[in-house]
Amino acid sequence: MNRVVLVLALALAAVSCSSSEPDHSPENASEPTRALWEAARTGDLEALATAVEQCADPFVKFEGPDGEQYTAREIARAQRLDPPDNAPLPTERTIALQLAEGALIQAEARWEDACT
């Protein structure tokens, strides 16, 4: 239940940030953007909500454990569908990653208007 509340809060959060042209390069990523990606990778919904509130850029691609480049939503999905070592994920982690994906879809949809 707590996760659902976090996801809803994330979806409804009023964000007002300002910046110039968006720079989606990992070299210039802010700490909240790095935290967002890591939270998406691990399914940490509280950290994800905090990063979104801080206008973390959901479009920056960082290198995943397989050497490929992923956005936050893409890494959450990859971790859920293709877990490390092909080991089955615990149900709780699978649910967290699914909720993270949903929250990130919403964050992507509003990021440009709210944070640039």
N, C-alpha and C. Protein backbone atom coordinates (compact mmCIF):
# COMPACT_ATOMS: atom_id res chain seq x y z
N MET A 1 0.82 -1.19 0.00
CA MET A 1 0.00 0.00 0.00
C MET A 1 0.87 1.25 0.00
N ASN A 2 1.93 1.22 0.79
CA ASN A 2 2.84 2.37 0.89
C ASN A 2 3.44 2.71 -0.48
N ARG A 3 3.75 1.67 -1.28
CA ARG A 3 4.33 1.90 -2.61
C ARG A 3 3.32 2.57 -3.53
N VAL A 4 2.08 2.15 -3.42
CA VAL A 4 1.04 2.75 -4.26
C VAL A 4 0.90 4.22 -3.93
N VAL A 5 0.94 4.55 -2.65
CA VAL A 5 0.86 5.95 -2.23
C VAL A 5 2.05 6.73 -2.78
N LEU A 6 3.24 6.14 -2.73
CA LEU A 6 4.42 6.82 -3.27
C LEU A 6 4.28 7.06 -4.77
N VAL A 7 3.79 6.08 -5.49
CA VAL A 7 3.63 6.24 -6.93
C VAL A 7 2.59 7.31 -7.23
N LEU A 8 1.49 7.30 -6.49
CA LEU A 8 0.47 8.33 -6.70
C LEU A 8 1.01 9.71 -6.36
N ALA A 9 1.74 9.80 -5.27
CA ALA A 9 2.33 11.09 -4.89
C ALA A 9 3.30 11.56 -5.96
N LEU A 10 4.05 10.62 -6.50
CA LEU A 10 4.99 10.94 -7.56
C LEU A 10 4.26 11.46 -8.79
N ALA A 11 3.15 10.83 -9.12
CA ALA A 11 2.39 11.23 -10.30
C ALA A 11 1.74 12.59 -10.12
N LEU A 12 1.38 12.93 -8.90
CA LEU A 12 0.66 14.17 -8.65
C LEU A 12 1.54 15.31 -8.15
N ALA A 13 2.82 15.02 -7.93
CA ALA A 13 3.70 16.03 -7.35
C ALA A 13 3.77 17.27 -8.25
N ALA A 14 3.67 18.41 -7.64
CA ALA A 14 3.81 19.66 -8.40
C ALA A 14 5.28 20.01 -8.41
N VAL A 15 5.85 20.05 -9.59
CA VAL A 15 7.27 20.32 -9.73
C VAL A 15 7.45 21.62 -10.47
N SER A 16 8.24 22.50 -9.90
CA SER A 16 8.56 23.72 -10.62
C SER A 16 10.07 23.91 -10.59
N CYS A 17 10.69 23.62 -11.68
CA CYS A 17 12.14 23.75 -11.81
C CYS A 17 12.41 24.61 -13.03
N SER A 18 13.59 25.15 -13.07
CA SER A 18 13.92 25.92 -14.26
C SER A 18 15.35 25.60 -14.69
N SER A 19 15.54 25.57 -15.96
CA SER A 19 16.87 25.38 -16.54
C SER A 19 16.81 25.84 -17.98
N SER A 20 17.96 25.87 -18.62
CA SER A 20 17.97 26.24 -20.03
C SER A 20 17.76 24.98 -20.87
N GLU A 21 18.45 24.88 -21.98
CA GLU A 21 18.31 23.73 -22.85
C GLU A 21 18.61 22.44 -22.10
N PRO A 22 17.79 21.40 -22.30
CA PRO A 22 18.07 20.13 -21.63
C PRO A 22 19.35 19.50 -22.16
N ASP A 23 20.15 18.99 -21.28
CA ASP A 23 21.38 18.29 -21.62
C ASP A 23 21.24 16.88 -21.07
N HIS A 24 21.02 15.93 -21.96
CA HIS A 24 20.78 14.56 -21.54
C HIS A 24 22.05 13.71 -21.48
N SER A 25 23.22 14.36 -21.45
CA SER A 25 24.46 13.59 -21.43
C SER A 25 24.78 13.12 -20.01
N PRO A 26 25.27 11.90 -19.87
CA PRO A 26 25.60 11.39 -18.54
C PRO A 26 26.76 12.15 -17.90
N GLU A 27 27.63 12.71 -18.72
CA GLU A 27 28.77 13.45 -18.17
C GLU A 27 28.33 14.67 -17.37
N ASN A 28 27.22 15.28 -17.76
CA ASN A 28 26.74 16.49 -17.09
C ASN A 28 25.50 16.23 -16.22
N ALA A 29 25.23 14.98 -15.93
CA ALA A 29 24.04 14.63 -15.15
C ALA A 29 24.17 15.12 -13.71
N SER A 30 23.06 15.61 -13.18
CA SER A 30 23.03 16.07 -11.79
C SER A 30 23.00 14.88 -10.85
N GLU A 31 23.26 15.14 -9.58
CA GLU A 31 23.17 14.07 -8.57
C GLU A 31 21.76 13.49 -8.50
N PRO A 32 20.70 14.32 -8.53
CA PRO A 32 19.36 13.72 -8.55
C PRO A 32 19.13 12.81 -9.75
N THR A 33 19.70 13.14 -10.91
CA THR A 33 19.55 12.31 -12.09
C THR A 33 20.26 10.98 -11.90
N ARG A 34 21.45 11.02 -11.34
CA ARG A 34 22.18 9.78 -11.04
C ARG A 34 21.41 8.95 -10.01
N ALA A 35 20.86 9.61 -9.01
CA ALA A 35 20.07 8.92 -7.98
C ALA A 35 18.81 8.30 -8.58
N LEU A 36 18.18 9.01 -9.53
CA LEU A 36 16.99 8.48 -10.19
C LEU A 36 17.31 7.18 -10.92
N TRP A 37 18.39 7.18 -11.66
CA TRP A 37 18.77 5.99 -12.43
C TRP A 37 19.06 4.82 -11.48
N GLU A 38 19.78 5.08 -10.43
CA GLU A 38 20.11 4.01 -9.47
C GLU A 38 18.84 3.51 -8.77
N ALA A 39 17.94 4.42 -8.43
CA ALA A 39 16.68 4.02 -7.80
C ALA A 39 15.85 3.18 -8.76
N ALA A 40 15.86 3.52 -10.03
CA ALA A 40 15.14 2.73 -11.03
C ALA A 40 15.76 1.35 -11.18
N ARG A 41 17.07 1.29 -11.13
CA ARG A 41 17.78 0.01 -11.26
C ARG A 41 17.45 -0.93 -10.11
N THR A 42 17.32 -0.36 -8.92
CA THR A 42 17.11 -1.19 -7.73
C THR A 42 15.64 -1.31 -7.33
N GLY A 43 14.77 -0.47 -7.90
CA GLY A 43 13.37 -0.50 -7.50
C GLY A 43 13.10 0.24 -6.20
N ASP A 44 13.97 1.20 -5.85
CA ASP A 44 13.80 1.99 -4.63
C ASP A 44 12.83 3.14 -4.90
N LEU A 45 11.56 2.93 -4.57
CA LEU A 45 10.52 3.90 -4.93
C LEU A 45 10.63 5.21 -4.15
N GLU A 46 11.08 5.15 -2.92
CA GLU A 46 11.23 6.39 -2.15
C GLU A 46 12.31 7.28 -2.75
N ALA A 47 13.45 6.69 -3.08
CA ALA A 47 14.54 7.45 -3.70
C ALA A 47 14.11 7.96 -5.07
N LEU A 48 13.36 7.16 -5.79
CA LEU A 48 12.87 7.57 -7.11
C LEU A 48 11.96 8.79 -6.98
N ALA A 49 11.03 8.75 -6.03
CA ALA A 49 10.11 9.88 -5.83
C ALA A 49 10.88 11.15 -5.46
N THR A 50 11.88 11.01 -4.60
CA THR A 50 12.69 12.17 -4.21
C THR A 50 13.43 12.74 -5.42
N ALA A 51 14.01 11.89 -6.23
CA ALA A 51 14.76 12.36 -7.40
C ALA A 51 13.85 13.06 -8.40
N VAL A 52 12.64 12.53 -8.60
CA VAL A 52 11.71 13.17 -9.52
C VAL A 52 11.30 14.54 -9.00
N GLU A 53 11.07 14.65 -7.72
CA GLU A 53 10.72 15.94 -7.12
C GLU A 53 11.84 16.96 -7.32
N GLN A 54 13.08 16.48 -7.44
CA GLN A 54 14.24 17.36 -7.64
C GLN A 54 14.54 17.58 -9.12
N CYS A 55 13.59 17.25 -9.99
CA CYS A 55 13.72 17.42 -11.44
C CYS A 55 14.86 16.61 -12.04
N ALA A 56 15.04 15.40 -11.55
CA ALA A 56 16.01 14.51 -12.17
C ALA A 56 15.59 14.25 -13.61
N ASP A 57 16.55 14.20 -14.49
CA ASP A 57 16.28 14.02 -15.91
C ASP A 57 16.10 12.53 -16.21
N PRO A 58 14.88 12.10 -16.57
CA PRO A 58 14.66 10.68 -16.82
C PRO A 58 15.16 10.20 -18.19
N PHE A 59 15.69 11.12 -19.00
CA PHE A 59 16.11 10.77 -20.35
C PHE A 59 17.62 10.53 -20.48
N VAL A 60 18.38 10.76 -19.41
CA VAL A 60 19.82 10.52 -19.46
C VAL A 60 20.06 9.01 -19.48
N LYS A 61 20.97 8.58 -20.34
CA LYS A 61 21.30 7.16 -20.44
C LYS A 61 22.65 6.90 -19.78
N PHE A 62 22.63 5.94 -18.85
CA PHE A 62 23.85 5.50 -18.19
C PHE A 62 24.12 4.06 -18.59
N GLU A 63 25.34 3.64 -18.38
CA GLU A 63 25.72 2.28 -18.74
C GLU A 63 25.19 1.28 -17.72
N GLY A 64 24.51 0.26 -18.22
CA GLY A 64 24.00 -0.80 -17.37
C GLY A 64 25.04 -1.88 -17.13
N PRO A 65 24.70 -2.88 -16.34
CA PRO A 65 25.65 -3.93 -16.02
C PRO A 65 26.11 -4.75 -17.22
N ASP A 66 25.34 -4.70 -18.31
CA ASP A 66 25.70 -5.43 -19.52
C ASP A 66 26.48 -4.58 -20.52
N GLY A 67 26.79 -3.34 -20.14
CA GLY A 67 27.55 -2.45 -21.01
C GLY A 67 26.68 -1.63 -21.95
N GLU A 68 25.39 -1.89 -22.00
CA GLU A 68 24.45 -1.14 -22.83
C GLU A 68 24.04 0.15 -22.12
N GLN A 69 23.53 1.11 -22.89
CA GLN A 69 23.07 2.39 -22.35
C GLN A 69 21.56 2.33 -22.10
N TYR A 70 21.12 2.79 -20.93
CA TYR A 70 19.71 2.74 -20.55
C TYR A 70 19.26 4.04 -19.90
N THR A 71 18.02 4.46 -20.20
CA THR A 71 17.38 5.50 -19.39
C THR A 71 16.93 4.85 -18.10
N ALA A 72 16.42 5.64 -17.17
CA ALA A 72 15.95 5.10 -15.90
C ALA A 72 14.83 4.08 -16.11
N ARG A 73 13.87 4.41 -16.95
CA ARG A 73 12.76 3.47 -17.20
C ARG A 73 13.26 2.21 -17.88
N GLU A 74 14.18 2.36 -18.82
CA GLU A 74 14.70 1.20 -19.53
C GLU A 74 15.47 0.26 -18.60
N ILE A 75 16.23 0.82 -17.64
CA ILE A 75 16.99 -0.06 -16.74
C ILE A 75 16.04 -0.77 -15.78
N ALA A 76 14.99 -0.11 -15.34
CA ALA A 76 14.02 -0.78 -14.47
C ALA A 76 13.39 -1.96 -15.21
N ARG A 77 13.03 -1.72 -16.45
CA ARG A 77 12.42 -2.79 -17.26
C ARG A 77 13.42 -3.91 -17.51
N ALA A 78 14.65 -3.57 -17.85
CA ALA A 78 15.67 -4.59 -18.11
C ALA A 78 15.94 -5.43 -16.87
N GLN A 79 16.00 -4.80 -15.72
CA GLN A 79 16.25 -5.54 -14.48
C GLN A 79 15.10 -6.49 -14.17
N ARG A 80 13.88 -6.06 -14.49
CA ARG A 80 12.71 -6.89 -14.23
C ARG A 80 12.62 -8.05 -15.22
N LEU A 81 12.84 -7.78 -16.51
CA LEU A 81 12.67 -8.81 -17.53
C LEU A 81 13.89 -9.70 -17.72
N ASP A 82 15.06 -9.17 -17.42
CA ASP A 82 16.30 -9.94 -17.63
C ASP A 82 17.21 -9.73 -16.42
N PRO A 83 16.84 -10.32 -15.28
CA PRO A 83 17.60 -10.07 -14.05
C PRO A 83 19.04 -10.58 -14.15
N PRO A 84 19.92 -9.95 -13.37
CA PRO A 84 21.32 -10.39 -13.36
C PRO A 84 21.41 -11.89 -13.04
N ASP A 85 22.30 -12.56 -13.68
CA ASP A 85 22.54 -14.00 -13.49
C ASP A 85 21.32 -14.85 -13.81
N ASN A 86 20.33 -14.26 -14.49
CA ASN A 86 19.10 -14.97 -14.85
C ASN A 86 18.41 -15.63 -13.67
N ALA A 87 18.66 -15.11 -12.49
CA ALA A 87 18.02 -15.64 -11.28
C ALA A 87 16.63 -15.04 -11.15
N PRO A 88 15.64 -15.82 -10.75
CA PRO A 88 14.30 -15.26 -10.57
C PRO A 88 14.31 -14.17 -9.50
N LEU A 89 13.58 -13.11 -9.76
CA LEU A 89 13.50 -12.02 -8.79
C LEU A 89 12.45 -12.33 -7.74
N PRO A 90 12.69 -11.90 -6.50
CA PRO A 90 11.63 -12.02 -5.50
C PRO A 90 10.42 -11.19 -5.93
N THR A 91 9.24 -11.64 -5.58
CA THR A 91 8.01 -10.97 -5.98
C THR A 91 8.03 -9.49 -5.58
N GLU A 92 8.50 -9.20 -4.39
CA GLU A 92 8.53 -7.81 -3.91
C GLU A 92 9.37 -6.92 -4.83
N ARG A 93 10.52 -7.41 -5.27
CA ARG A 93 11.39 -6.62 -6.15
C ARG A 93 10.76 -6.47 -7.53
N THR A 94 10.11 -7.52 -8.02
CA THR A 94 9.43 -7.45 -9.31
C THR A 94 8.35 -6.38 -9.28
N ILE A 95 7.57 -6.36 -8.22
CA ILE A 95 6.52 -5.35 -8.07
C ILE A 95 7.12 -3.96 -7.99
N ALA A 96 8.19 -3.80 -7.22
CA ALA A 96 8.84 -2.49 -7.10
C ALA A 96 9.34 -2.00 -8.46
N LEU A 97 9.93 -2.89 -9.24
CA LEU A 97 10.42 -2.49 -10.56
C LEU A 97 9.27 -2.14 -11.50
N GLN A 98 8.15 -2.87 -11.40
CA GLN A 98 6.97 -2.54 -12.21
C GLN A 98 6.43 -1.16 -11.83
N LEU A 99 6.35 -0.89 -10.53
CA LEU A 99 5.87 0.42 -10.08
C LEU A 99 6.83 1.53 -10.49
N ALA A 100 8.11 1.25 -10.44
CA ALA A 100 9.11 2.23 -10.87
C ALA A 100 8.93 2.55 -12.35
N GLU A 101 8.71 1.53 -13.17
CA GLU A 101 8.47 1.76 -14.60
C GLU A 101 7.27 2.67 -14.82
N GLY A 102 6.18 2.38 -14.13
CA GLY A 102 4.97 3.20 -14.27
C GLY A 102 5.20 4.63 -13.84
N ALA A 103 5.87 4.81 -12.72
CA ALA A 103 6.16 6.16 -12.24
C ALA A 103 7.07 6.90 -13.21
N LEU A 104 8.02 6.20 -13.80
CA LEU A 104 8.94 6.84 -14.74
C LEU A 104 8.27 7.22 -16.05
N ILE A 105 7.29 6.45 -16.48
CA ILE A 105 6.52 6.84 -17.67
C ILE A 105 5.86 8.18 -17.41
N GLN A 106 5.28 8.33 -16.23
CA GLN A 106 4.64 9.60 -15.86
C GLN A 106 5.66 10.72 -15.71
N ALA A 107 6.80 10.41 -15.12
CA ALA A 107 7.85 11.42 -14.95
C ALA A 107 8.36 11.91 -16.30
N GLU A 108 8.53 10.98 -17.24
CA GLU A 108 8.98 11.37 -18.59
C GLU A 108 7.95 12.27 -19.26
N ALA A 109 6.69 11.95 -19.10
CA ALA A 109 5.63 12.71 -19.76
C ALA A 109 5.57 14.15 -19.28
N ARG A 110 5.90 14.39 -18.04
CA ARG A 110 5.77 15.76 -17.54
C ARG A 110 7.10 16.47 -17.34
N TRP A 111 8.24 15.77 -17.51
CA TRP A 111 9.53 16.36 -17.20
C TRP A 111 9.80 17.62 -18.02
N GLU A 112 9.60 17.58 -19.31
CA GLU A 112 9.95 18.72 -20.15
C GLU A 112 9.17 19.97 -19.77
N ASP A 113 7.88 19.83 -19.51
CA ASP A 113 7.06 20.98 -19.12
C ASP A 113 7.39 21.47 -17.71
N ALA A 114 7.62 20.55 -16.82
CA ALA A 114 7.80 20.91 -15.41
C ALA A 114 9.23 21.29 -15.06
N CYS A 115 10.21 20.78 -15.79
CA CYS A 115 11.59 20.92 -15.32
C CYS A 115 12.54 21.60 -16.29
N THR A 116 12.05 22.07 -17.42
CA THR A 116 12.98 22.75 -18.33
C THR A 116 12.54 24.18 -18.52
